[in-house]
Amino acid sequence: MARRGGFQGGMPGNMNNLMKQAQRMQRQMEESQKELESAEFTAAAGGGAVEVTVTGKKEITKVKLDPEAVDPDDVEMLEDLIMAAANEALRKADEAAAANMAKMTGGMGGLGF
């Protein structure tokens, strides 16, 4: 009869190495996530008339308006410029997060993870 349970041969050493690698990778991912969250991403709209800065945590930290962009008769245009700049800054933050994840996983997505 076949033996049940336990690892045969040199398997425990390999499993131990895998656990160490996983722990190291987890620490690196946590550090990288902290860096990303504190990073700032700025985007402009209207030829620089509006600038919005967000963090990697997707919090708006700064909105800069060129006084020329403030037209009381066309508030809607200013609203659109702010929205466009904010969306672009958030897109940059998302791209940085995706690039960070790709760097950390090193293509493991193809393995079904």
PDB file of N, CA and C in Angstrom:
ATOM      1  N   MET A   1       0.821  -1.179   0.000  1.00  0.00           N
ATOM      2  CA  MET A   1       0.000   0.000   0.000  1.00  0.00           C
ATOM      3  C   MET A   1       0.867   1.246   0.000  1.00  0.00           C
ATOM      4  N   ALA A   2       0.356   2.283  -0.676  1.00  0.00           N
ATOM      5  CA  ALA A   2       1.085   3.535  -0.741  1.00  0.00           C
ATOM      6  C   ALA A   2       0.993   4.264   0.597  1.00  0.00           C
ATOM      7  N   ARG A   3       2.051   4.961   0.924  1.00  0.00           N
ATOM      8  CA  ARG A   3       2.068   5.738   2.166  1.00  0.00           C
ATOM      9  C   ARG A   3       1.275   7.019   1.971  1.00  0.00           C
ATOM     10  N   ARG A   4       0.592   7.424   3.009  1.00  0.00           N
ATOM     11  CA  ARG A   4      -0.199   8.654   2.944  1.00  0.00           C
ATOM     12  C   ARG A   4       0.438   9.731   3.816  1.00  0.00           C
ATOM     13  N   GLY A   5       0.187  10.979   3.380  1.00  0.00           N
ATOM     14  CA  GLY A   5       0.595  12.117   4.203  1.00  0.00           C
ATOM     15  C   GLY A   5       2.092  12.355   4.176  1.00  0.00           C
ATOM     16  N   GLY A   6       2.459  13.549   4.580  1.00  0.00           N
ATOM     17  CA  GLY A   6       3.866  13.905   4.686  1.00  0.00           C
ATOM     18  C   GLY A   6       4.519  14.122   3.336  1.00  0.00           C
ATOM     19  N   PHE A   7       5.696  14.712   3.378  1.00  0.00           N
ATOM     20  CA  PHE A   7       6.469  14.948   2.169  1.00  0.00           C
ATOM     21  C   PHE A   7       7.556  13.895   2.086  1.00  0.00           C
ATOM     22  N   GLN A   8       7.851  13.475   0.904  1.00  0.00           N
ATOM     23  CA  GLN A   8       8.867  12.470   0.666  1.00  0.00           C
ATOM     24  C   GLN A   8      10.162  13.157   0.210  1.00  0.00           C
ATOM     25  N   GLY A   9      11.278  12.590   0.511  1.00  0.00           N
ATOM     26  CA  GLY A   9      12.559  13.074   0.002  1.00  0.00           C
ATOM     27  C   GLY A   9      12.917  14.472   0.474  1.00  0.00           C
ATOM     28  N   GLY A  10      13.413  15.312  -0.460  1.00  0.00           N
ATOM     29  CA  GLY A  10      13.889  16.645  -0.120  1.00  0.00           C
ATOM     30  C   GLY A  10      12.823  17.717  -0.166  1.00  0.00           C
ATOM     31  N   MET A  11      11.593  17.369  -0.223  1.00  0.00           N
ATOM     32  CA  MET A  11      10.501  18.333  -0.370  1.00  0.00           C
ATOM     33  C   MET A  11      10.414  19.381   0.739  1.00  0.00           C
ATOM     34  N   PRO A  12      10.616  19.030   2.023  1.00  0.00           N
ATOM     35  CA  PRO A  12      10.489  20.055   3.064  1.00  0.00           C
ATOM     36  C   PRO A  12      11.429  21.239   2.853  1.00  0.00           C
ATOM     37  N   GLY A  13      12.640  20.990   2.399  1.00  0.00           N
ATOM     38  CA  GLY A  13      13.585  22.088   2.137  1.00  0.00           C
ATOM     39  C   GLY A  13      13.075  23.005   1.052  1.00  0.00           C
ATOM     40  N   ASN A  14      12.525  22.433  -0.009  1.00  0.00           N
ATOM     41  CA  ASN A  14      11.978  23.240  -1.093  1.00  0.00           C
ATOM     42  C   ASN A  14      10.789  24.058  -0.611  1.00  0.00           C
ATOM     43  N   MET A  15       9.930  23.467   0.206  1.00  0.00           N
ATOM     44  CA  MET A  15       8.763  24.157   0.724  1.00  0.00           C
ATOM     45  C   MET A  15       9.200  25.314   1.624  1.00  0.00           C
ATOM     46  N   ASN A  16      10.233  25.069   2.424  1.00  0.00           N
ATOM     47  CA  ASN A  16      10.760  26.113   3.303  1.00  0.00           C
ATOM     48  C   ASN A  16      11.277  27.291   2.485  1.00  0.00           C
ATOM     49  N   ASN A  17      12.000  26.986   1.406  1.00  0.00           N
ATOM     50  CA  ASN A  17      12.503  28.052   0.526  1.00  0.00           C
ATOM     51  C   ASN A  17      11.353  28.826  -0.108  1.00  0.00           C
ATOM     52  N   LEU A  18      10.312  28.115  -0.528  1.00  0.00           N
ATOM     53  CA  LEU A  18       9.154  28.788  -1.117  1.00  0.00           C
ATOM     54  C   LEU A  18       8.493  29.724  -0.105  1.00  0.00           C
ATOM     55  N   MET A  19       8.391  29.291   1.132  1.00  0.00           N
ATOM     56  CA  MET A  19       7.783  30.128   2.176  1.00  0.00           C
ATOM     57  C   MET A  19       8.618  31.378   2.414  1.00  0.00           C
ATOM     58  N   LYS A  20       9.938  31.230   2.450  1.00  0.00           N
ATOM     59  CA  LYS A  20      10.822  32.380   2.634  1.00  0.00           C
ATOM     60  C   LYS A  20      10.685  33.355   1.475  1.00  0.00           C
ATOM     61  N   GLN A  21      10.623  32.831   0.267  1.00  0.00           N
ATOM     62  CA  GLN A  21      10.458  33.691  -0.911  1.00  0.00           C
ATOM     63  C   GLN A  21       9.120  34.426  -0.861  1.00  0.00           C
ATOM     64  N   ALA A  22       8.067  33.736  -0.456  1.00  0.00           N
ATOM     65  CA  ALA A  22       6.747  34.361  -0.367  1.00  0.00           C
ATOM     66  C   ALA A  22       6.735  35.466   0.677  1.00  0.00           C
ATOM     67  N   GLN A  23       7.390  35.235   1.816  1.00  0.00           N
ATOM     68  CA  GLN A  23       7.463  36.264   2.851  1.00  0.00           C
ATOM     69  C   GLN A  23       8.255  37.470   2.375  1.00  0.00           C
ATOM     70  N   ARG A  24       9.361  37.211   1.682  1.00  0.00           N
ATOM     71  CA  ARG A  24      10.184  38.304   1.154  1.00  0.00           C
ATOM     72  C   ARG A  24       9.384  39.107   0.127  1.00  0.00           C
ATOM     73  N   MET A  25       8.664  38.408  -0.733  1.00  0.00           N
ATOM     74  CA  MET A  25       7.849  39.077  -1.748  1.00  0.00           C
ATOM     75  C   MET A  25       6.739  39.904  -1.097  1.00  0.00           C
ATOM     76  N   GLN A  26       6.145  39.375  -0.036  1.00  0.00           N
ATOM     77  CA  GLN A  26       5.093  40.114   0.657  1.00  0.00           C
ATOM     78  C   GLN A  26       5.653  41.399   1.262  1.00  0.00           C
ATOM     79  N   ARG A  27       6.834  41.339   1.881  1.00  0.00           N
ATOM     80  CA  ARG A  27       7.458  42.545   2.442  1.00  0.00           C
ATOM     81  C   ARG A  27       7.738  43.566   1.340  1.00  0.00           C
ATOM     82  N   GLN A  28       8.263  43.095   0.206  1.00  0.00           N
ATOM     83  CA  GLN A  28       8.556  44.001  -0.904  1.00  0.00           C
ATOM     84  C   GLN A  28       7.277  44.645  -1.432  1.00  0.00           C
ATOM     85  N   MET A  29       6.201  43.871  -1.518  1.00  0.00           N
ATOM     86  CA  MET A  29       4.938  44.418  -2.003  1.00  0.00           C
ATOM     87  C   MET A  29       4.390  45.460  -1.036  1.00  0.00           C
ATOM     88  N   GLU A  30       4.505  45.221   0.264  1.00  0.00           N
ATOM     89  CA  GLU A  30       4.041  46.184   1.253  1.00  0.00           C
ATOM     90  C   GLU A  30       4.827  47.487   1.165  1.00  0.00           C
ATOM     91  N   GLU A  31       6.156  47.387   1.027  1.00  0.00           N
ATOM     92  CA  GLU A  31       7.000  48.574   0.892  1.00  0.00           C
ATOM     93  C   GLU A  31       6.656  49.334  -0.384  1.00  0.00           C
ATOM     94  N   SER A  32       6.491  48.604  -1.454  1.00  0.00           N
ATOM     95  CA  SER A  32       6.174  49.212  -2.732  1.00  0.00           C
ATOM     96  C   SER A  32       4.809  49.902  -2.676  1.00  0.00           C
ATOM     97  N   GLN A  33       3.842  49.279  -2.001  1.00  0.00           N
ATOM     98  CA  GLN A  33       2.509  49.867  -1.860  1.00  0.00           C
ATOM     99  C   GLN A  33       2.577  51.174  -1.070  1.00  0.00           C
ATOM    100  N   LYS A  34       3.374  51.208  -0.013  1.00  0.00           N
ATOM    101  CA  LYS A  34       3.532  52.429   0.783  1.00  0.00           C
ATOM    102  C   LYS A  34       4.121  53.550  -0.066  1.00  0.00           C
ATOM    103  N   GLU A  35       5.133  53.211  -0.868  1.00  0.00           N
ATOM    104  CA  GLU A  35       5.744  54.203  -1.756  1.00  0.00           C
ATOM    105  C   GLU A  35       4.721  54.738  -2.746  1.00  0.00           C
ATOM    106  N   LEU A  36       3.936  53.831  -3.314  1.00  0.00           N
ATOM    107  CA  LEU A  36       2.927  54.225  -4.294  1.00  0.00           C
ATOM    108  C   LEU A  36       1.881  55.135  -3.652  1.00  0.00           C
ATOM    109  N   GLU A  37       1.441  54.795  -2.455  1.00  0.00           N
ATOM    110  CA  GLU A  37       0.410  55.590  -1.787  1.00  0.00           C
ATOM    111  C   GLU A  37       0.876  57.004  -1.494  1.00  0.00           C
ATOM    112  N   SER A  38       2.159  57.196  -1.251  1.00  0.00           N
ATOM    113  CA  SER A  38       2.665  58.530  -0.948  1.00  0.00           C
ATOM    114  C   SER A  38       3.101  59.294  -2.206  1.00  0.00           C
ATOM    115  N   ALA A  39       3.177  58.610  -3.334  1.00  0.00           N
ATOM    116  CA  ALA A  39       3.561  59.272  -4.586  1.00  0.00           C
ATOM    117  C   ALA A  39       2.456  60.226  -5.029  1.00  0.00           C
ATOM    118  N   GLU A  40       2.850  61.260  -5.762  1.00  0.00           N
ATOM    119  CA  GLU A  40       1.878  62.226  -6.283  1.00  0.00           C
ATOM    120  C   GLU A  40       1.880  62.194  -7.805  1.00  0.00           C
ATOM    121  N   PHE A  41       0.705  62.382  -8.359  1.00  0.00           N
ATOM    122  CA  PHE A  41       0.512  62.375  -9.802  1.00  0.00           C
ATOM    123  C   PHE A  41      -0.239  63.636 -10.177  1.00  0.00           C
ATOM    124  N   THR A  42       0.308  64.413 -11.115  1.00  0.00           N
ATOM    125  CA  THR A  42      -0.289  65.676 -11.516  1.00  0.00           C
ATOM    126  C   THR A  42      -0.653  65.617 -12.988  1.00  0.00           C
ATOM    127  N   ALA A  43      -1.805  66.180 -13.297  1.00  0.00           N
ATOM    128  CA  ALA A  43      -2.238  66.275 -14.689  1.00  0.00           C
ATOM    129  C   ALA A  43      -2.843  67.648 -14.899  1.00  0.00           C
ATOM    130  N   ALA A  44      -2.765  68.118 -16.146  1.00  0.00           N
ATOM    131  CA  ALA A  44      -3.277  69.442 -16.495  1.00  0.00           C
ATOM    132  C   ALA A  44      -4.309  69.314 -17.604  1.00  0.00           C
ATOM    133  N   ALA A  45      -5.163  70.319 -17.685  1.00  0.00           N
ATOM    134  CA  ALA A  45      -6.161  70.394 -18.753  1.00  0.00           C
ATOM    135  C   ALA A  45      -6.260  71.849 -19.190  1.00  0.00           C
ATOM    136  N   GLY A  46      -6.795  72.034 -20.381  1.00  0.00           N
ATOM    137  CA  GLY A  46      -6.959  73.391 -20.888  1.00  0.00           C
ATOM    138  C   GLY A  46      -5.643  74.096 -21.116  1.00  0.00           C
ATOM    139  N   GLY A  47      -4.652  73.349 -21.593  1.00  0.00           N
ATOM    140  CA  GLY A  47      -3.346  73.953 -21.862  1.00  0.00           C
ATOM    141  C   GLY A  47      -2.652  74.430 -20.600  1.00  0.00           C
ATOM    142  N   GLY A  48      -2.932  73.777 -19.477  1.00  0.00           N
ATOM    143  CA  GLY A  48      -2.299  74.145 -18.212  1.00  0.00           C
ATOM    144  C   GLY A  48      -3.141  75.099 -17.376  1.00  0.00           C
ATOM    145  N   ALA A  49      -4.332  75.430 -17.849  1.00  0.00           N
ATOM    146  CA  ALA A  49      -5.200  76.343 -17.101  1.00  0.00           C
ATOM    147  C   ALA A  49      -5.652  75.719 -15.784  1.00  0.00           C
ATOM    148  N   VAL A  50      -5.740  74.399 -15.749  1.00  0.00           N
ATOM    149  CA  VAL A  50      -6.142  73.677 -14.543  1.00  0.00           C
ATOM    150  C   VAL A  50      -5.157  72.543 -14.319  1.00  0.00           C
ATOM    151  N   GLU A  51      -4.670  72.429 -13.082  1.00  0.00           N
ATOM    152  CA  GLU A  51      -3.811  71.308 -12.707  1.00  0.00           C
ATOM    153  C   GLU A  51      -4.392  70.659 -11.464  1.00  0.00           C
ATOM    154  N   VAL A  52      -4.403  69.324 -11.454  1.00  0.00           N
ATOM    155  CA  VAL A  52      -4.883  68.570 -10.301  1.00  0.00           C
ATOM    156  C   VAL A  52      -3.801  67.564  -9.921  1.00  0.00           C
ATOM    157  N   THR A  53      -3.544  67.477  -8.613  1.00  0.00           N
ATOM    158  CA  THR A  53      -2.573  66.525  -8.086  1.00  0.00           C
ATOM    159  C   THR A  53      -3.297  65.553  -7.164  1.00  0.00           C
ATOM    160  N   VAL A  54      -3.012  64.260  -7.357  1.00  0.00           N
ATOM    161  CA  VAL A  54      -3.590  63.209  -6.510  1.00  0.00           C
ATOM    162  C   VAL A  54      -2.458  62.343  -5.970  1.00  0.00           C
ATOM    163  N   THR A  55      -2.749  61.617  -4.902  1.00  0.00           N
ATOM    164  CA  THR A  55      -1.791  60.663  -4.366  1.00  0.00           C
ATOM    165  C   THR A  55      -2.116  59.284  -4.922  1.00  0.00           C
ATOM    166  N   GLY A  56      -1.226  58.340  -4.652  1.00  0.00           N
ATOM    167  CA  GLY A  56      -1.480  56.957  -5.038  1.00  0.00           C
ATOM    168  C   GLY A  56      -2.670  56.372  -4.303  1.00  0.00           C
ATOM    169  N   LYS A  57      -3.104  57.030  -3.225  1.00  0.00           N
ATOM    170  CA  LYS A  57      -4.300  56.598  -2.501  1.00  0.00           C
ATOM    171  C   LYS A  57      -5.555  57.207  -3.126  1.00  0.00           C
ATOM    172  N   LYS A  58      -5.360  57.907  -4.243  1.00  0.00           N
ATOM    173  CA  LYS A  58      -6.440  58.534  -5.006  1.00  0.00           C
ATOM    174  C   LYS A  58      -7.155  59.627  -4.219  1.00  0.00           C
ATOM    175  N   GLU A  59      -6.354  60.398  -3.492  1.00  0.00           N
ATOM    176  CA  GLU A  59      -6.863  61.558  -2.780  1.00  0.00           C
ATOM    177  C   GLU A  59      -6.341  62.806  -3.482  1.00  0.00           C
ATOM    178  N   ILE A  60      -7.235  63.740  -3.763  1.00  0.00           N
ATOM    179  CA  ILE A  60      -6.819  64.990  -4.386  1.00  0.00           C
ATOM    180  C   ILE A  60      -6.126  65.833  -3.322  1.00  0.00           C
ATOM    181  N   THR A  61      -4.897  66.249  -3.620  1.00  0.00           N
ATOM    182  CA  THR A  61      -4.131  67.037  -2.661  1.00  0.00           C
ATOM    183  C   THR A  61      -3.948  68.484  -3.101  1.00  0.00           C
ATOM    184  N   LYS A  62      -4.192  68.739  -4.394  1.00  0.00           N
ATOM    185  CA  LYS A  62      -3.948  70.101  -4.874  1.00  0.00           C
ATOM    186  C   LYS A  62      -4.753  70.350  -6.152  1.00  0.00           C
ATOM    187  N   VAL A  63      -5.347  71.532  -6.221  1.00  0.00           N
ATOM    188  CA  VAL A  63      -6.003  71.993  -7.442  1.00  0.00           C
ATOM    189  C   VAL A  63      -5.455  73.393  -7.703  1.00  0.00           C
ATOM    190  N   LYS A  64      -4.899  73.583  -8.886  1.00  0.00           N
ATOM    191  CA  LYS A  64      -4.324  74.880  -9.248  1.00  0.00           C
ATOM    192  C   LYS A  64      -5.089  75.415 -10.451  1.00  0.00           C
ATOM    193  N   LEU A  65      -5.593  76.644 -10.324  1.00  0.00           N
ATOM    194  CA  LEU A  65      -6.352  77.274 -11.404  1.00  0.00           C
ATOM    195  C   LEU A  65      -5.632  78.521 -11.880  1.00  0.00           C
ATOM    196  N   ASP A  66      -5.504  78.651 -13.174  1.00  0.00           N
ATOM    197  CA  ASP A  66      -5.015  79.889 -13.765  1.00  0.00           C
ATOM    198  C   ASP A  66      -6.162  80.897 -13.678  1.00  0.00           C
ATOM    199  N   PRO A  67      -5.919  82.079 -13.140  1.00  0.00           N
ATOM    200  CA  PRO A  67      -7.000  83.070 -13.027  1.00  0.00           C
ATOM    201  C   PRO A  67      -7.713  83.339 -14.356  1.00  0.00           C
ATOM    202  N   GLU A  68      -7.007  83.169 -15.450  1.00  0.00           N
ATOM    203  CA  GLU A  68      -7.608  83.371 -16.770  1.00  0.00           C
ATOM    204  C   GLU A  68      -8.705  82.339 -17.062  1.00  0.00           C
ATOM    205  N   ALA A  69      -8.618  81.171 -16.389  1.00  0.00           N
ATOM    206  CA  ALA A  69      -9.592  80.114 -16.627  1.00  0.00           C
ATOM    207  C   ALA A  69     -10.906  80.362 -15.897  1.00  0.00           C
ATOM    208  N   VAL A  70     -10.890  81.312 -14.967  1.00  0.00           N
ATOM    209  CA  VAL A  70     -12.086  81.593 -14.175  1.00  0.00           C
ATOM    210  C   VAL A  70     -12.915  82.653 -14.892  1.00  0.00           C
ATOM    211  N   ASP A  71     -13.982  82.188 -15.524  1.00  0.00           N
ATOM    212  CA  ASP A  71     -14.906  83.071 -16.238  1.00  0.00           C
ATOM    213  C   ASP A  71     -16.290  82.882 -15.619  1.00  0.00           C
ATOM    214  N   PRO A  72     -16.780  83.864 -14.878  1.00  0.00           N
ATOM    215  CA  PRO A  72     -18.087  83.724 -14.227  1.00  0.00           C
ATOM    216  C   PRO A  72     -19.222  83.415 -15.203  1.00  0.00           C
ATOM    217  N   ASP A  73     -19.029  83.755 -16.457  1.00  0.00           N
ATOM    218  CA  ASP A  73     -20.067  83.496 -17.451  1.00  0.00           C
ATOM    219  C   ASP A  73     -19.964  82.093 -18.048  1.00  0.00           C
ATOM    220  N   ASP A  74     -18.897  81.373 -17.723  1.00  0.00           N
ATOM    221  CA  ASP A  74     -18.723  80.027 -18.266  1.00  0.00           C
ATOM    222  C   ASP A  74     -18.154  79.080 -17.206  1.00  0.00           C
ATOM    223  N   VAL A  75     -18.855  78.942 -16.117  1.00  0.00           N
ATOM    224  CA  VAL A  75     -18.441  78.069 -15.020  1.00  0.00           C
ATOM    225  C   VAL A  75     -18.386  76.620 -15.489  1.00  0.00           C
ATOM    226  N   GLU A  76     -19.266  76.260 -16.394  1.00  0.00           N
ATOM    227  CA  GLU A  76     -19.312  74.880 -16.876  1.00  0.00           C
ATOM    228  C   GLU A  76     -17.995  74.458 -17.518  1.00  0.00           C
ATOM    229  N   MET A  77     -17.357  75.354 -18.254  1.00  0.00           N
ATOM    230  CA  MET A  77     -16.071  75.020 -18.876  1.00  0.00           C
ATOM    231  C   MET A  77     -15.023  74.750 -17.799  1.00  0.00           C
ATOM    232  N   LEU A  78     -14.994  75.577 -16.761  1.00  0.00           N
ATOM    233  CA  LEU A  78     -14.038  75.377 -15.687  1.00  0.00           C
ATOM    234  C   LEU A  78     -14.295  74.043 -14.984  1.00  0.00           C
ATOM    235  N   GLU A  79     -15.538  73.707 -14.756  1.00  0.00           N
ATOM    236  CA  GLU A  79     -15.888  72.428 -14.150  1.00  0.00           C
ATOM    237  C   GLU A  79     -15.389  71.265 -15.010  1.00  0.00           C
ATOM    238  N   ASP A  80     -15.573  71.383 -16.310  1.00  0.00           N
ATOM    239  CA  ASP A  80     -15.118  70.336 -17.231  1.00  0.00           C
ATOM    240  C   ASP A  80     -13.597  70.194 -17.208  1.00  0.00           C
ATOM    241  N   LEU A  81     -12.885  71.315 -17.138  1.00  0.00           N
ATOM    242  CA  LEU A  81     -11.424  71.267 -17.095  1.00  0.00           C
ATOM    243  C   LEU A  81     -10.934  70.614 -15.807  1.00  0.00           C
ATOM    244  N   ILE A  82     -11.577  70.944 -14.695  1.00  0.00           N
ATOM    245  CA  ILE A  82     -11.198  70.340 -13.417  1.00  0.00           C
ATOM    246  C   ILE A  82     -11.441  68.835 -13.468  1.00  0.00           C
ATOM    247  N   MET A  83     -12.586  68.453 -13.976  1.00  0.00           N
ATOM    248  CA  MET A  83     -12.919  67.033 -14.075  1.00  0.00           C
ATOM    249  C   MET A  83     -11.919  66.307 -14.986  1.00  0.00           C
ATOM    250  N   ALA A  84     -11.575  66.901 -16.113  1.00  0.00           N
ATOM    251  CA  ALA A  84     -10.635  66.265 -17.046  1.00  0.00           C
ATOM    252  C   ALA A  84      -9.260  66.109 -16.408  1.00  0.00           C
ATOM    253  N   ALA A  85      -8.787  67.137 -15.716  1.00  0.00           N
ATOM    254  CA  ALA A  85      -7.471  67.059 -15.080  1.00  0.00           C
ATOM    255  C   ALA A  85      -7.477  66.027 -13.952  1.00  0.00           C
ATOM    256  N   ALA A  86      -8.545  66.005 -13.165  1.00  0.00           N
ATOM    257  CA  ALA A  86      -8.631  65.040 -12.063  1.00  0.00           C
ATOM    258  C   ALA A  86      -8.658  63.609 -12.599  1.00  0.00           C
ATOM    259  N   ASN A  87      -9.442  63.368 -13.627  1.00  0.00           N
ATOM    260  CA  ASN A  87      -9.518  62.024 -14.207  1.00  0.00           C
ATOM    261  C   ASN A  87      -8.182  61.587 -14.784  1.00  0.00           C
ATOM    262  N   GLU A  88      -7.451  62.501 -15.410  1.00  0.00           N
ATOM    263  CA  GLU A  88      -6.143  62.167 -15.975  1.00  0.00           C
ATOM    264  C   GLU A  88      -5.145  61.859 -14.863  1.00  0.00           C
ATOM    265  N   ALA A  89      -5.170  62.632 -13.785  1.00  0.00           N
ATOM    266  CA  ALA A  89      -4.264  62.380 -12.661  1.00  0.00           C
ATOM    267  C   ALA A  89      -4.573  61.018 -12.028  1.00  0.00           C
ATOM    268  N   LEU A  90      -5.854  60.698 -11.888  1.00  0.00           N
ATOM    269  CA  LEU A  90      -6.248  59.397 -11.337  1.00  0.00           C
ATOM    270  C   LEU A  90      -5.831  58.257 -12.267  1.00  0.00           C
ATOM    271  N   ARG A  91      -5.921  58.488 -13.576  1.00  0.00           N
ATOM    272  CA  ARG A  91      -5.485  57.477 -14.541  1.00  0.00           C
ATOM    273  C   ARG A  91      -3.981  57.218 -14.393  1.00  0.00           C
ATOM    274  N   LYS A  92      -3.212  58.289 -14.189  1.00  0.00           N
ATOM    275  CA  LYS A  92      -1.771  58.125 -13.987  1.00  0.00           C
ATOM    276  C   LYS A  92      -1.487  57.309 -12.726  1.00  0.00           C
ATOM    277  N   ALA A  93      -2.242  57.559 -11.661  1.00  0.00           N
ATOM    278  CA  ALA A  93      -2.070  56.800 -10.421  1.00  0.00           C
ATOM    279  C   ALA A  93      -2.400  55.322 -10.659  1.00  0.00           C
ATOM    280  N   ASP A  94      -3.470  55.062 -11.413  1.00  0.00           N
ATOM    281  CA  ASP A  94      -3.851  53.678 -11.727  1.00  0.00           C
ATOM    282  C   ASP A  94      -2.771  52.981 -12.550  1.00  0.00           C
ATOM    283  N   GLU A  95      -2.214  53.688 -13.517  1.00  0.00           N
ATOM    284  CA  GLU A  95      -1.158  53.103 -14.352  1.00  0.00           C
ATOM    285  C   GLU A  95       0.071  52.765 -13.517  1.00  0.00           C
ATOM    286  N   ALA A  96       0.426  53.650 -12.581  1.00  0.00           N
ATOM    287  CA  ALA A  96       1.578  53.394 -11.722  1.00  0.00           C
ATOM    288  C   ALA A  96       1.311  52.181 -10.840  1.00  0.00           C
ATOM    289  N   ALA A  97       0.085  52.054 -10.332  1.00  0.00           N
ATOM    290  CA  ALA A  97      -0.274  50.898  -9.499  1.00  0.00           C
ATOM    291  C   ALA A  97      -0.197  49.608 -10.316  1.00  0.00           C
ATOM    292  N   ALA A  98      -0.689  49.643 -11.541  1.00  0.00           N
ATOM    293  CA  ALA A  98      -0.653  48.454 -12.404  1.00  0.00           C
ATOM    294  C   ALA A  98       0.789  48.079 -12.751  1.00  0.00           C
ATOM    295  N   ALA A  99       1.621  49.078 -13.036  1.00  0.00           N
ATOM    296  CA  ALA A  99       3.021  48.809 -13.353  1.00  0.00           C
ATOM    297  C   ALA A  99       3.736  48.231 -12.135  1.00  0.00           C
ATOM    298  N   ASN A 100       3.397  48.756 -10.973  1.00  0.00           N
ATOM    299  CA  ASN A 100       3.988  48.261  -9.730  1.00  0.00           C
ATOM    300  C   ASN A 100       3.608  46.794  -9.509  1.00  0.00           C
ATOM    301  N   MET A 101       2.360  46.470  -9.721  1.00  0.00           N
ATOM    302  CA  MET A 101       1.896  45.095  -9.531  1.00  0.00           C
ATOM    303  C   MET A 101       2.556  44.161 -10.546  1.00  0.00           C
ATOM    304  N   ALA A 102       2.673  44.608 -11.792  1.00  0.00           N
ATOM    305  CA  ALA A 102       3.303  43.787 -12.827  1.00  0.00           C
ATOM    306  C   ALA A 102       4.764  43.518 -12.473  1.00  0.00           C
ATOM    307  N   LYS A 103       5.433  44.528 -11.923  1.00  0.00           N
ATOM    308  CA  LYS A 103       6.832  44.367 -11.528  1.00  0.00           C
ATOM    309  C   LYS A 103       6.953  43.351 -10.395  1.00  0.00           C
ATOM    310  N   MET A 104       6.023  43.414  -9.454  1.00  0.00           N
ATOM    311  CA  MET A 104       6.087  42.524  -8.303  1.00  0.00           C
ATOM    312  C   MET A 104       5.718  41.079  -8.659  1.00  0.00           C
ATOM    313  N   THR A 105       4.732  40.904  -9.511  1.00  0.00           N
ATOM    314  CA  THR A 105       4.290  39.543  -9.837  1.00  0.00           C
ATOM    315  C   THR A 105       5.122  38.919 -10.932  1.00  0.00           C
ATOM    316  N   GLY A 106       5.796  39.715 -11.733  1.00  0.00           N
ATOM    317  CA  GLY A 106       6.709  39.190 -12.743  1.00  0.00           C
ATOM    318  C   GLY A 106       6.054  38.239 -13.723  1.00  0.00           C
ATOM    319  N   GLY A 107       4.815  38.507 -14.095  1.00  0.00           N
ATOM    320  CA  GLY A 107       4.155  37.689 -15.094  1.00  0.00           C
ATOM    321  C   GLY A 107       3.479  36.436 -14.553  1.00  0.00           C
ATOM    322  N   MET A 108       3.287  36.375 -13.235  1.00  0.00           N
ATOM    323  CA  MET A 108       2.649  35.179 -12.672  1.00  0.00           C
ATOM    324  C   MET A 108       1.187  35.059 -13.084  1.00  0.00           C
ATOM    325  N   GLY A 109       0.616  36.118 -13.634  1.00  0.00           N
ATOM    326  CA  GLY A 109      -0.779  36.070 -14.058  1.00  0.00           C
ATOM    327  C   GLY A 109      -1.040  34.955 -15.052  1.00  0.00           C
ATOM    328  N   GLY A 110      -0.065  34.591 -15.836  1.00  0.00           N
ATOM    329  CA  GLY A 110      -0.228  33.527 -16.808  1.00  0.00           C
ATOM    330  C   GLY A 110      -0.288  32.137 -16.170  1.00  0.00           C
ATOM    331  N   LEU A 111      -0.025  32.060 -14.880  1.00  0.00           N
ATOM    332  CA  LEU A 111      -0.049  30.772 -14.193  1.00  0.00           C
ATOM    333  C   LEU A 111      -1.387  30.516 -13.515  1.00  0.00           C
ATOM    334  N   GLY A 112      -2.341  31.397 -13.719  1.00  0.00           N
ATOM    335  CA  GLY A 112      -3.644  31.193 -13.129  1.00  0.00           C
ATOM    336  C   GLY A 112      -3.815  31.835 -11.770  1.00  0.00           C
ATOM    337  N   PHE A 113      -2.919  32.724 -11.385  1.00  0.00           N
ATOM    338  CA  PHE A 113      -3.034  33.413 -10.090  1.00  0.00           C
ATOM    339  C   PHE A 113      -3.936  34.599 -10.236  1.00  0.00           C
TER     340      PHE A 113
END
